[in-house]
Amino acid sequence: MTSRWIVVAACVALAAPARADSPDKLAVDTAADLLGGRLGVKLPKAMKLEPRGHDIMSADASPEEETRAVLDVGKARLVMMASEDFATVGSDFRAQVATQVDKTAKLEAVAVAKPLLAFAYAPKPTTDQDANLVLATWIAHPDGTVQLVSFYVNNDGARAAAAAWTNLARKIAGTLVPGKRALDIGAGERKLESLQVTVPARWVVTAQPGPDFIVFHLRPLAPLGSSATSGCGVYLGGFPSYQHTQAGIDAKLVHMRKGKLRGADVTWHDWSDGGIPTTEAMTPYSGGTVHVFCVAKTDADLVPLRAMMESLR
């Protein structure tokens, strides 16, 4: 599973300023948890954890999947984005990380706390983007999984002191330590509020709460750099909508098949968009609706995913 490069213009909008002579002179001495306790880090005191914004019909990213921190110094803004890659470490982690960057990129080892292992890439910063990447750091966690912590500065910061911001990012990355939370990757039952689903080994379930709904994401772990695309979602709420309708797929291209969901008869809707096979179905749940949906590389790969969803009860 390839790493997620998270560059969002809204992440670097200006906020209240903090002052310092140079960003790389700032002390990094304020402890913070990342990814729901997967990692620990030390940040400058003025750097605050702030989730990405969204419209009123959407939800913040799951804190188990993403952590965002923001630091303002004058007109400059640094944004740190930590993400769970749902990827696994191989025998040569550096070689795996190399697949995530350009072949000419130079990787640097990061002196993180053992037993973490980390490599970073510091590109030549651009100075004309709302979010300019200054450092990306891949972390091999003791439980055998991979996280990505990336740092961006806005154009004011990049133009004024790109090297200093990169050095501050390195200082912060160097404070990373393993957290207490490990991913639950064993085969067995997972709770989805009052429901349960049975998953195979090496599948991870995360929750994304919304204002009046919740979405659970089910993903398989895959080696960093692989192209695994399978996964499922379970929406619990009152305002579901078939994804093929949202995508504007011609109804003639949606294949209907009979099946089960929570023990009830349902109709599975099978379709494809951009060559990505998808299956989805709905059934009533506690005054609302359960909407399940899965994607896979091939139609054949959807069969075990549909069976996994039919274990929902």
C-alpha atoms as a PDB file:
ATOM      1  CA  MET A   1       0.000   0.000   0.000  1.00  0.00           C
ATOM      2  CA  THR A   2       1.550   3.237  -1.114  1.00  0.00           C
ATOM      3  CA  SER A   3       2.094   6.087   1.295  1.00  0.00           C
ATOM      4  CA  ARG A   4      -0.439   8.893   1.385  1.00  0.00           C
ATOM      5  CA  TRP A   5       1.052  12.276   0.513  1.00  0.00           C
ATOM      6  CA  ILE A   6      -1.284  14.633   2.296  1.00  0.00           C
ATOM      7  CA  VAL A   7      -1.068  18.136   0.855  1.00  0.00           C
ATOM      8  CA  VAL A   8      -4.152  20.241   1.584  1.00  0.00           C
ATOM      9  CA  ALA A   9      -4.151  23.957   0.848  1.00  0.00           C
ATOM     10  CA  ALA A  10      -6.523  24.625   3.718  1.00  0.00           C
ATOM     11  CA  CYS A  11      -3.938  23.212   6.091  1.00  0.00           C
ATOM     12  CA  VAL A  12      -1.743  26.274   5.711  1.00  0.00           C
ATOM     13  CA  ALA A  13      -4.214  29.133   6.036  1.00  0.00           C
ATOM     14  CA  LEU A  14      -2.910  31.782   8.375  1.00  0.00           C
ATOM     15  CA  ALA A  15      -3.843  31.905  12.057  1.00  0.00           C
ATOM     16  CA  ALA A  16      -2.732  33.802  15.159  1.00  0.00           C
ATOM     17  CA  PRO A  17       1.046  34.373  15.041  1.00  0.00           C
ATOM     18  CA  ALA A  18       3.725  33.280  17.470  1.00  0.00           C
ATOM     19  CA  ARG A  19       7.138  34.937  17.503  1.00  0.00           C
ATOM     20  CA  ALA A  20      10.651  33.520  17.252  1.00  0.00           C
ATOM     21  CA  ASP A  21      13.879  34.777  15.738  1.00  0.00           C
ATOM     22  CA  SER A  22      14.249  31.673  13.568  1.00  0.00           C
ATOM     23  CA  PRO A  23      12.043  28.572  13.516  1.00  0.00           C
ATOM     24  CA  ASP A  24      14.944  26.143  13.946  1.00  0.00           C
ATOM     25  CA  LYS A  25      15.859  27.878  17.214  1.00  0.00           C
ATOM     26  CA  LEU A  26      12.564  26.872  18.790  1.00  0.00           C
ATOM     27  CA  ALA A  27      12.700  24.297  21.576  1.00  0.00           C
ATOM     28  CA  VAL A  28      10.832  21.058  20.966  1.00  0.00           C
ATOM     29  CA  ASP A  29       9.839  20.153  24.509  1.00  0.00           C
ATOM     30  CA  THR A  30       6.052  19.732  24.614  1.00  0.00           C
ATOM     31  CA  ALA A  31       4.930  16.098  24.461  1.00  0.00           C
ATOM     32  CA  ALA A  32       2.015  15.077  22.215  1.00  0.00           C
ATOM     33  CA  ASP A  33       0.423  11.816  21.109  1.00  0.00           C
ATOM     34  CA  LEU A  34      -0.006  10.996  17.439  1.00  0.00           C
ATOM     35  CA  LEU A  35      -2.506   8.660  15.783  1.00  0.00           C
ATOM     36  CA  GLY A  36      -4.404   7.852  18.925  1.00  0.00           C
ATOM     37  CA  GLY A  37      -1.306   6.836  20.858  1.00  0.00           C
ATOM     38  CA  ARG A  38       0.583   4.996  18.124  1.00  0.00           C
ATOM     39  CA  LEU A  39       3.492   7.452  18.351  1.00  0.00           C
ATOM     40  CA  GLY A  40       4.719  10.134  20.719  1.00  0.00           C
ATOM     41  CA  VAL A  41       6.494  13.330  19.688  1.00  0.00           C
ATOM     42  CA  LYS A  42       7.746  16.598  21.140  1.00  0.00           C
ATOM     43  CA  LEU A  43       6.635  19.838  19.563  1.00  0.00           C
ATOM     44  CA  PRO A  44       7.340  23.535  20.057  1.00  0.00           C
ATOM     45  CA  LYS A  45       5.087  24.869  22.810  1.00  0.00           C
ATOM     46  CA  ALA A  46       3.126  27.049  20.366  1.00  0.00           C
ATOM     47  CA  MET A  47       2.425  24.145  17.978  1.00  0.00           C
ATOM     48  CA  LYS A  48      -1.149  22.933  18.409  1.00  0.00           C
ATOM     49  CA  LEU A  49      -2.998  19.783  17.374  1.00  0.00           C
ATOM     50  CA  GLU A  50      -5.814  20.760  15.007  1.00  0.00           C
ATOM     51  CA  PRO A  51      -7.813  18.383  12.783  1.00  0.00           C
ATOM     52  CA  ARG A  52      -8.332  19.298   9.173  1.00  0.00           C
ATOM     53  CA  GLY A  53     -11.507  21.222   8.459  1.00  0.00           C
ATOM     54  CA  HIS A  54     -14.448  19.775   6.562  1.00  0.00           C
ATOM     55  CA  ASP A  55     -17.897  20.802   5.374  1.00  0.00           C
ATOM     56  CA  ILE A  56     -20.893  20.281   7.625  1.00  0.00           C
ATOM     57  CA  MET A  57     -21.910  17.081   5.820  1.00  0.00           C
ATOM     58  CA  SER A  58     -18.536  15.426   6.358  1.00  0.00           C
ATOM     59  CA  ALA A  59     -16.482  14.227   9.312  1.00  0.00           C
ATOM     60  CA  ASP A  60     -12.990  14.823  10.631  1.00  0.00           C
ATOM     61  CA  ALA A  61     -10.514  12.147   9.647  1.00  0.00           C
ATOM     62  CA  SER A  62     -10.295   9.333  12.166  1.00  0.00           C
ATOM     63  CA  PRO A  63      -7.762  10.254  14.887  1.00  0.00           C
ATOM     64  CA  GLU A  64      -6.475   6.684  14.486  1.00  0.00           C
ATOM     65  CA  GLU A  65      -5.624   7.474  10.862  1.00  0.00           C
ATOM     66  CA  GLU A  66      -4.438  11.088  10.903  1.00  0.00           C
ATOM     67  CA  THR A  67      -3.046  13.753  13.267  1.00  0.00           C
ATOM     68  CA  ARG A  68      -2.422  17.350  12.220  1.00  0.00           C
ATOM     69  CA  ALA A  69      -0.381  19.930  14.136  1.00  0.00           C
ATOM     70  CA  VAL A  70       0.031  23.610  13.260  1.00  0.00           C
ATOM     71  CA  LEU A  71       2.650  26.226  14.169  1.00  0.00           C
ATOM     72  CA  ASP A  72       2.424  29.903  13.165  1.00  0.00           C
ATOM     73  CA  VAL A  73       5.430  32.210  13.294  1.00  0.00           C
ATOM     74  CA  GLY A  74       4.551  35.601  11.886  1.00  0.00           C
ATOM     75  CA  LYS A  75       3.136  35.037   8.394  1.00  0.00           C
ATOM     76  CA  ALA A  76       4.760  31.616   8.138  1.00  0.00           C
ATOM     77  CA  ARG A  77       2.941  28.392   8.963  1.00  0.00           C
ATOM     78  CA  LEU A  78       4.294  24.885   9.510  1.00  0.00           C
ATOM     79  CA  VAL A  79       1.872  21.966   9.312  1.00  0.00           C
ATOM     80  CA  MET A  80       2.777  18.459  10.447  1.00  0.00           C
ATOM     81  CA  MET A  81       0.630  15.612   9.123  1.00  0.00           C
ATOM     82  CA  ALA A  82       0.990  12.160  10.711  1.00  0.00           C
ATOM     83  CA  SER A  83      -0.768   9.283   8.969  1.00  0.00           C
ATOM     84  CA  GLU A  84      -1.152   5.564   9.515  1.00  0.00           C
ATOM     85  CA  ASP A  85      -0.056   3.853   6.307  1.00  0.00           C
ATOM     86  CA  PHE A  86      -1.655   0.460   7.083  1.00  0.00           C
ATOM     87  CA  ALA A  87       1.537  -0.976   5.627  1.00  0.00           C
ATOM     88  CA  THR A  88       4.070  -3.468   6.929  1.00  0.00           C
ATOM     89  CA  VAL A  89       7.846  -3.388   7.277  1.00  0.00           C
ATOM     90  CA  GLY A  90       9.957  -5.779   5.213  1.00  0.00           C
ATOM     91  CA  SER A  91      13.504  -7.010   5.613  1.00  0.00           C
ATOM     92  CA  ASP A  92      14.936  -3.842   4.001  1.00  0.00           C
ATOM     93  CA  PHE A  93      12.954  -0.863   5.249  1.00  0.00           C
ATOM     94  CA  ARG A  94      15.186   1.687   3.536  1.00  0.00           C
ATOM     95  CA  ALA A  95      14.573   0.007   0.176  1.00  0.00           C
ATOM     96  CA  GLN A  96      10.841   0.053   0.853  1.00  0.00           C
ATOM     97  CA  VAL A  97      10.926   3.779   1.629  1.00  0.00           C
ATOM     98  CA  ALA A  98      12.902   4.376  -1.559  1.00  0.00           C
ATOM     99  CA  THR A  99       9.904   3.158  -3.549  1.00  0.00           C
ATOM    100  CA  GLN A 100       7.901   6.087  -2.174  1.00  0.00           C
ATOM    101  CA  VAL A 101      10.123   8.839  -3.587  1.00  0.00           C
ATOM    102  CA  ASP A 102      11.818   9.757  -6.834  1.00  0.00           C
ATOM    103  CA  LYS A 103      14.726   7.509  -7.802  1.00  0.00           C
ATOM    104  CA  THR A 104      17.128  10.453  -7.508  1.00  0.00           C
ATOM    105  CA  ALA A 105      15.948  11.335  -3.992  1.00  0.00           C
ATOM    106  CA  LYS A 106      18.446  11.096  -1.147  1.00  0.00           C
ATOM    107  CA  LEU A 107      17.149   9.387   1.978  1.00  0.00           C
ATOM    108  CA  GLU A 108      18.504  10.294   5.394  1.00  0.00           C
ATOM    109  CA  ALA A 109      18.367   8.219   8.555  1.00  0.00           C
ATOM    110  CA  VAL A 110      16.549   9.857  11.464  1.00  0.00           C
ATOM    111  CA  ALA A 111      17.914   9.258  14.987  1.00  0.00           C
ATOM    112  CA  VAL A 112      14.577   8.314  16.540  1.00  0.00           C
ATOM    113  CA  ALA A 113      14.166   6.435  19.821  1.00  0.00           C
ATOM    114  CA  LYS A 114      14.731   2.696  19.553  1.00  0.00           C
ATOM    115  CA  PRO A 115      13.150   0.365  18.629  1.00  0.00           C
ATOM    116  CA  LEU A 116      11.723   2.784  16.039  1.00  0.00           C
ATOM    117  CA  LEU A 117      13.524   3.003  12.719  1.00  0.00           C
ATOM    118  CA  ALA A 118      13.011   6.029  10.470  1.00  0.00           C
ATOM    119  CA  PHE A 119      14.151   7.428   7.151  1.00  0.00           C
ATOM    120  CA  ALA A 120      13.361  10.885   5.815  1.00  0.00           C
ATOM    121  CA  TYR A 121      13.340  12.719   2.509  1.00  0.00           C
ATOM    122  CA  ALA A 122      13.955  16.461   2.389  1.00  0.00           C
ATOM    123  CA  PRO A 123      13.209  17.720  -1.133  1.00  0.00           C
ATOM    124  CA  LYS A 124      14.396  21.001  -2.490  1.00  0.00           C
ATOM    125  CA  PRO A 125      11.525  23.125  -1.174  1.00  0.00           C
ATOM    126  CA  THR A 126       9.196  24.814  -3.579  1.00  0.00           C
ATOM    127  CA  THR A 127       8.245  28.371  -2.726  1.00  0.00           C
ATOM    128  CA  ASP A 128       5.104  28.918  -4.785  1.00  0.00           C
ATOM    129  CA  GLN A 129       2.643  26.448  -3.244  1.00  0.00           C
ATOM    130  CA  ASP A 130       0.101  26.876  -0.469  1.00  0.00           C
ATOM    131  CA  ALA A 131       1.719  23.785   1.091  1.00  0.00           C
ATOM    132  CA  ASN A 132       5.400  23.153   0.335  1.00  0.00           C
ATOM    133  CA  LEU A 133       6.810  19.808   1.482  1.00  0.00           C
ATOM    134  CA  VAL A 134      10.031  20.247   3.483  1.00  0.00           C
ATOM    135  CA  LEU A 135      10.379  16.809   5.092  1.00  0.00           C
ATOM    136  CA  ALA A 136       8.677  13.413   4.878  1.00  0.00           C
ATOM    137  CA  THR A 137       9.565  10.782   7.481  1.00  0.00           C
ATOM    138  CA  TRP A 138       8.620   7.094   7.328  1.00  0.00           C
ATOM    139  CA  ILE A 139       8.660   5.267  10.654  1.00  0.00           C
ATOM    140  CA  ALA A 140       8.960   1.519  11.180  1.00  0.00           C
ATOM    141  CA  HIS A 141       6.934   0.791  14.322  1.00  0.00           C
ATOM    142  CA  PRO A 142       7.879  -2.011  16.746  1.00  0.00           C
ATOM    143  CA  ASP A 143       4.673  -3.853  15.803  1.00  0.00           C
ATOM    144  CA  GLY A 144       5.899  -4.141  12.209  1.00  0.00           C
ATOM    145  CA  THR A 145       3.785  -1.386  10.668  1.00  0.00           C
ATOM    146  CA  VAL A 146       4.630   1.931   9.023  1.00  0.00           C
ATOM    147  CA  GLN A 147       3.597   5.521   9.756  1.00  0.00           C
ATOM    148  CA  LEU A 148       4.317   8.654   7.727  1.00  0.00           C
ATOM    149  CA  VAL A 149       4.986  12.058   9.323  1.00  0.00           C
ATOM    150  CA  SER A 150       5.285  14.908   6.817  1.00  0.00           C
ATOM    151  CA  PHE A 151       5.952  18.619   7.255  1.00  0.00           C
ATOM    152  CA  TYR A 152       4.782  21.466   5.043  1.00  0.00           C
ATOM    153  CA  VAL A 153       5.278  25.233   5.097  1.00  0.00           C
ATOM    154  CA  ASN A 154       3.216  27.876   3.362  1.00  0.00           C
ATOM    155  CA  ASN A 155       4.761  30.038   0.664  1.00  0.00           C
ATOM    156  CA  ASP A 156       5.621  32.872   3.065  1.00  0.00           C
ATOM    157  CA  GLY A 157       7.605  30.484   5.232  1.00  0.00           C
ATOM    158  CA  ALA A 158       9.289  28.760   2.301  1.00  0.00           C
ATOM    159  CA  ARG A 159      10.376  32.033   0.727  1.00  0.00           C
ATOM    160  CA  ALA A 160      11.738  33.494   3.939  1.00  0.00           C
ATOM    161  CA  ALA A 161      13.462  30.527   5.590  1.00  0.00           C
ATOM    162  CA  ALA A 162      12.924  27.169   3.888  1.00  0.00           C
ATOM    163  CA  ALA A 163      16.136  25.664   5.293  1.00  0.00           C
ATOM    164  CA  ALA A 164      15.272  26.724   8.845  1.00  0.00           C
ATOM    165  CA  TRP A 165      11.828  25.157   8.586  1.00  0.00           C
ATOM    166  CA  THR A 166      13.360  21.955   7.274  1.00  0.00           C
ATOM    167  CA  ASN A 167      15.759  21.892  10.219  1.00  0.00           C
ATOM    168  CA  LEU A 168      12.891  22.409  12.667  1.00  0.00           C
ATOM    169  CA  ALA A 169      11.036  19.523  11.011  1.00  0.00           C
ATOM    170  CA  ARG A 170      14.127  17.354  11.490  1.00  0.00           C
ATOM    171  CA  LYS A 171      14.288  18.331  15.173  1.00  0.00           C
ATOM    172  CA  ILE A 172      10.663  17.371  15.682  1.00  0.00           C
ATOM    173  CA  ALA A 173      11.022  14.085  13.770  1.00  0.00           C
ATOM    174  CA  GLY A 174      14.028  13.205  15.913  1.00  0.00           C
ATOM    175  CA  THR A 175      11.844  13.204  19.051  1.00  0.00           C
ATOM    176  CA  LEU A 176       9.496  10.459  17.793  1.00  0.00           C
ATOM    177  CA  VAL A 177       8.984   7.559  20.203  1.00  0.00           C
ATOM    178  CA  PRO A 178       6.736   4.487  20.048  1.00  0.00           C
ATOM    179  CA  GLY A 179       3.340   4.893  21.648  1.00  0.00           C
ATOM    180  CA  LYS A 180       1.451   2.396  23.758  1.00  0.00           C
ATOM    181  CA  ARG A 181      -1.267   1.551  21.226  1.00  0.00           C
ATOM    182  CA  ALA A 182      -0.690  -1.304  18.786  1.00  0.00           C
ATOM    183  CA  LEU A 183      -2.943  -2.215  15.896  1.00  0.00           C
ATOM    184  CA  ASP A 184      -5.316  -5.124  16.474  1.00  0.00           C
ATOM    185  CA  ILE A 185      -4.472  -7.336  13.507  1.00  0.00           C
ATOM    186  CA  GLY A 186      -5.559 -10.761  14.729  1.00  0.00           C
ATOM    187  CA  ALA A 187      -8.380 -12.679  13.065  1.00  0.00           C
ATOM    188  CA  GLY A 188     -11.713 -12.525  14.867  1.00  0.00           C
ATOM    189  CA  GLU A 189     -14.601 -10.284  15.799  1.00  0.00           C
ATOM    190  CA  ARG A 190     -14.506  -6.497  15.826  1.00  0.00           C
ATOM    191  CA  LYS A 191     -17.134  -4.274  17.421  1.00  0.00           C
ATOM    192  CA  LEU A 192     -18.777  -1.615  15.271  1.00  0.00           C
ATOM    193  CA  GLU A 193     -20.839   0.178  17.914  1.00  0.00           C
ATOM    194  CA  SER A 194     -23.529  -2.410  18.787  1.00  0.00           C
ATOM    195  CA  LEU A 195     -22.687  -4.554  15.738  1.00  0.00           C
ATOM    196  CA  GLN A 196     -19.940  -7.112  15.221  1.00  0.00           C
ATOM    197  CA  VAL A 197     -18.080  -8.260  12.142  1.00  0.00           C
ATOM    198  CA  THR A 198     -15.599 -11.114  11.704  1.00  0.00           C
ATOM    199  CA  VAL A 199     -12.368 -10.162   9.941  1.00  0.00           C
ATOM    200  CA  PRO A 200      -9.382 -12.216   8.722  1.00  0.00           C
ATOM    201  CA  ALA A 201      -5.916 -11.847  10.185  1.00  0.00           C
ATOM    202  CA  ARG A 202      -3.978  -8.703   9.293  1.00  0.00           C
ATOM    203  CA  TRP A 203      -7.090  -6.576   8.799  1.00  0.00           C
ATOM    204  CA  VAL A 204      -7.468  -3.292  10.704  1.00  0.00           C
ATOM    205  CA  VAL A 205     -10.692  -1.516  11.685  1.00  0.00           C
ATOM    206  CA  THR A 206     -10.805   2.233  12.401  1.00  0.00           C
ATOM    207  CA  ALA A 207     -13.726   4.515  13.274  1.00  0.00           C
ATOM    208  CA  GLN A 208     -14.539   7.913  11.738  1.00  0.00           C
ATOM    209  CA  PRO A 209     -17.291   9.630  13.757  1.00  0.00           C
ATOM    210  CA  GLY A 210     -19.435  12.239  12.033  1.00  0.00           C
ATOM    211  CA  PRO A 211     -21.972  14.744  13.374  1.00  0.00           C
ATOM    212  CA  ASP A 212     -24.880  12.280  13.130  1.00  0.00           C
ATOM    213  CA  PHE A 213     -23.296   9.131  11.698  1.00  0.00           C
ATOM    214  CA  ILE A 214     -20.193   6.976  11.970  1.00  0.00           C
ATOM    215  CA  VAL A 215     -18.155   5.200   9.319  1.00  0.00           C
ATOM    216  CA  PHE A 216     -15.935   2.221  10.088  1.00  0.00           C
ATOM    217  CA  HIS A 217     -13.068   1.521   7.697  1.00  0.00           C
ATOM    218  CA  LEU A 218     -11.770  -2.049   7.271  1.00  0.00           C
ATOM    219  CA  ARG A 219      -8.397  -2.427   5.556  1.00  0.00           C
ATOM    220  CA  PRO A 220      -5.866  -5.203   5.026  1.00  0.00           C
ATOM    221  CA  LEU A 221      -2.236  -4.566   5.889  1.00  0.00           C
ATOM    222  CA  ALA A 222       0.118  -4.796   2.927  1.00  0.00           C
ATOM    223  CA  PRO A 223       3.867  -4.285   2.470  1.00  0.00           C
ATOM    224  CA  LEU A 224       4.931  -0.657   2.078  1.00  0.00           C
ATOM    225  CA  GLY A 225       5.221   0.043  -1.623  1.00  0.00           C
ATOM    226  CA  SER A 226       2.718  -2.608  -2.735  1.00  0.00           C
ATOM    227  CA  SER A 227      -0.419  -1.756  -4.653  1.00  0.00           C
ATOM    228  CA  ALA A 228      -3.082  -3.395  -2.501  1.00  0.00           C
ATOM    229  CA  THR A 229      -6.431  -1.675  -3.044  1.00  0.00           C
ATOM    230  CA  SER A 230      -8.974  -3.858  -1.218  1.00  0.00           C
ATOM    231  CA  GLY A 231     -11.049  -2.470   1.621  1.00  0.00           C
ATOM    232  CA  CYS A 232     -14.550  -2.028   3.012  1.00  0.00           C
ATOM    233  CA  GLY A 233     -16.570   0.579   4.833  1.00  0.00           C
ATOM    234  CA  VAL A 234     -19.592   0.377   7.120  1.00  0.00           C
ATOM    235  CA  TYR A 235     -21.780   3.487   7.437  1.00  0.00           C
ATOM    236  CA  LEU A 236     -24.222   3.691  10.348  1.00  0.00           C
ATOM    237  CA  GLY A 237     -26.589   6.630  10.144  1.00  0.00           C
ATOM    238  CA  GLY A 238     -29.816   8.076   8.856  1.00  0.00           C
ATOM    239  CA  PHE A 239     -28.868   9.530   5.483  1.00  0.00           C
ATOM    240  CA  PRO A 240     -27.208   6.838   3.330  1.00  0.00           C
ATOM    241  CA  SER A 241     -26.686   7.120  -0.403  1.00  0.00           C
ATOM    242  CA  TYR A 242     -25.462   4.472  -2.810  1.00  0.00           C
ATOM    243  CA  GLN A 243     -21.981   5.344  -3.985  1.00  0.00           C
ATOM    244  CA  HIS A 244     -22.807   4.503  -7.603  1.00  0.00           C
ATOM    245  CA  THR A 245     -25.509   7.176  -7.424  1.00  0.00           C
ATOM    246  CA  GLN A 246     -23.021   9.664  -5.981  1.00  0.00           C
ATOM    247  CA  ALA A 247     -20.557   8.762  -8.760  1.00  0.00           C
ATOM    248  CA  GLY A 248     -23.188   9.215 -11.489  1.00  0.00           C
ATOM    249  CA  ILE A 249     -22.871   5.641 -12.759  1.00  0.00           C
ATOM    250  CA  ASP A 250     -25.462   4.675 -15.373  1.00  0.00           C
ATOM    251  CA  ALA A 251     -28.025   2.390 -13.707  1.00  0.00           C
ATOM    252  CA  LYS A 252     -27.667  -0.010 -16.636  1.00  0.00           C
ATOM    253  CA  LEU A 253     -24.062  -0.636 -15.564  1.00  0.00           C
ATOM    254  CA  VAL A 254     -25.013  -1.609 -12.001  1.00  0.00           C
ATOM    255  CA  HIS A 255     -25.453  -5.378 -11.590  1.00  0.00           C
ATOM    256  CA  MET A 256     -27.906  -6.548  -8.914  1.00  0.00           C
ATOM    257  CA  ARG A 257     -27.414  -9.774  -6.963  1.00  0.00           C
ATOM    258  CA  LYS A 258     -29.311 -11.271  -4.053  1.00  0.00           C
ATOM    259  CA  GLY A 259     -27.535 -11.763  -0.747  1.00  0.00           C
ATOM    260  CA  LYS A 260     -27.661 -11.352   3.007  1.00  0.00           C
ATOM    261  CA  LEU A 261     -26.736  -8.570   5.412  1.00  0.00           C
ATOM    262  CA  ARG A 262     -27.304  -8.855   9.154  1.00  0.00           C
ATOM    263  CA  GLY A 263     -29.296 -12.000   8.393  1.00  0.00           C
ATOM    264  CA  ALA A 264     -31.775 -10.145   6.195  1.00  0.00           C
ATOM    265  CA  ASP A 265     -32.302 -10.461   2.453  1.00  0.00           C
ATOM    266  CA  VAL A 266     -30.653  -7.607   0.572  1.00  0.00           C
ATOM    267  CA  THR A 267     -29.687  -6.669  -2.950  1.00  0.00           C
ATOM    268  CA  TRP A 268     -25.990  -6.169  -3.553  1.00  0.00           C
ATOM    269  CA  HIS A 269     -25.143  -3.529  -6.146  1.00  0.00           C
ATOM    270  CA  ASP A 270     -21.994  -4.389  -8.137  1.00  0.00           C
ATOM    271  CA  TRP A 271     -20.405  -1.766 -10.363  1.00  0.00           C
ATOM    272  CA  SER A 272     -17.080  -0.346 -11.496  1.00  0.00           C
ATOM    273  CA  ASP A 273     -15.703   3.148 -11.845  1.00  0.00           C
ATOM    274  CA  GLY A 274     -12.310   3.709 -13.409  1.00  0.00           C
ATOM    275  CA  GLY A 275     -11.663  -0.032 -13.415  1.00  0.00           C
ATOM    276  CA  ILE A 276     -12.204  -0.368  -9.648  1.00  0.00           C
ATOM    277  CA  PRO A 277     -14.823  -3.064  -8.879  1.00  0.00           C
ATOM    278  CA  THR A 278     -17.199  -2.061  -6.090  1.00  0.00           C
ATOM    279  CA  THR A 279     -20.006  -3.807  -4.238  1.00  0.00           C
ATOM    280  CA  GLU A 280     -22.454  -2.243  -1.773  1.00  0.00           C
ATOM    281  CA  ALA A 281     -25.704  -2.970   0.044  1.00  0.00           C
ATOM    282  CA  MET A 282     -28.012  -1.451   2.673  1.00  0.00           C
ATOM    283  CA  THR A 283     -30.292  -2.719   5.430  1.00  0.00           C
ATOM    284  CA  PRO A 284     -32.173  -1.051   8.349  1.00  0.00           C
ATOM    285  CA  TYR A 285     -30.356  -0.542  11.650  1.00  0.00           C
ATOM    286  CA  SER A 286     -31.524   0.998  14.959  1.00  0.00           C
ATOM    287  CA  GLY A 287     -33.701   3.702  13.465  1.00  0.00           C
ATOM    288  CA  GLY A 288     -31.260   4.280  10.630  1.00  0.00           C
ATOM    289  CA  THR A 289     -29.418   2.326   7.961  1.00  0.00           C
ATOM    290  CA  VAL A 290     -26.356   0.136   7.631  1.00  0.00           C
ATOM    291  CA  HIS A 291     -24.624   0.864   4.321  1.00  0.00           C
ATOM    292  CA  VAL A 292     -21.679  -1.413   3.552  1.00  0.00           C
ATOM    293  CA  PHE A 293     -19.362  -0.982   0.588  1.00  0.00           C
ATOM    294  CA  CYS A 294     -16.190  -2.725  -0.604  1.00  0.00           C
ATOM    295  CA  VAL A 295     -13.630  -2.170  -3.359  1.00  0.00           C
ATOM    296  CA  ALA A 296     -11.051  -4.597  -4.738  1.00  0.00           C
ATOM    297  CA  LYS A 297      -8.655  -5.127  -7.624  1.00  0.00           C
ATOM    298  CA  THR A 298     -10.883  -7.629  -9.434  1.00  0.00           C
ATOM    299  CA  ASP A 299     -14.467  -8.859  -9.316  1.00  0.00           C
ATOM    300  CA  ALA A 300     -13.176 -12.168  -7.944  1.00  0.00           C
ATOM    301  CA  ASP A 301     -11.475 -10.324  -5.086  1.00  0.00           C
ATOM    302  CA  LEU A 302     -14.844  -8.876  -4.070  1.00  0.00           C
ATOM    303  CA  VAL A 303     -16.244 -12.327  -3.239  1.00  0.00           C
ATOM    304  CA  PRO A 304     -14.422 -12.794   0.123  1.00  0.00           C
ATOM    305  CA  LEU A 305     -15.051  -9.143   1.002  1.00  0.00           C
ATOM    306  CA  ARG A 306     -18.773  -9.580   0.463  1.00  0.00           C
ATOM    307  CA  ALA A 307     -18.650 -12.723   2.626  1.00  0.00           C
ATOM    308  CA  MET A 308     -16.855 -10.756   5.362  1.00  0.00           C
ATOM    309  CA  MET A 309     -19.569  -8.093   5.276  1.00  0.00           C
ATOM    310  CA  GLU A 310     -22.265 -10.759   5.411  1.00  0.00           C
ATOM    311  CA  SER A 311     -20.807 -11.810   8.788  1.00  0.00           C
ATOM    312  CA  LEU A 312     -22.042  -8.475  10.182  1.00  0.00           C
ATOM    313  CA  ARG A 313     -24.632  -8.978  12.886  1.00  0.00           C
END
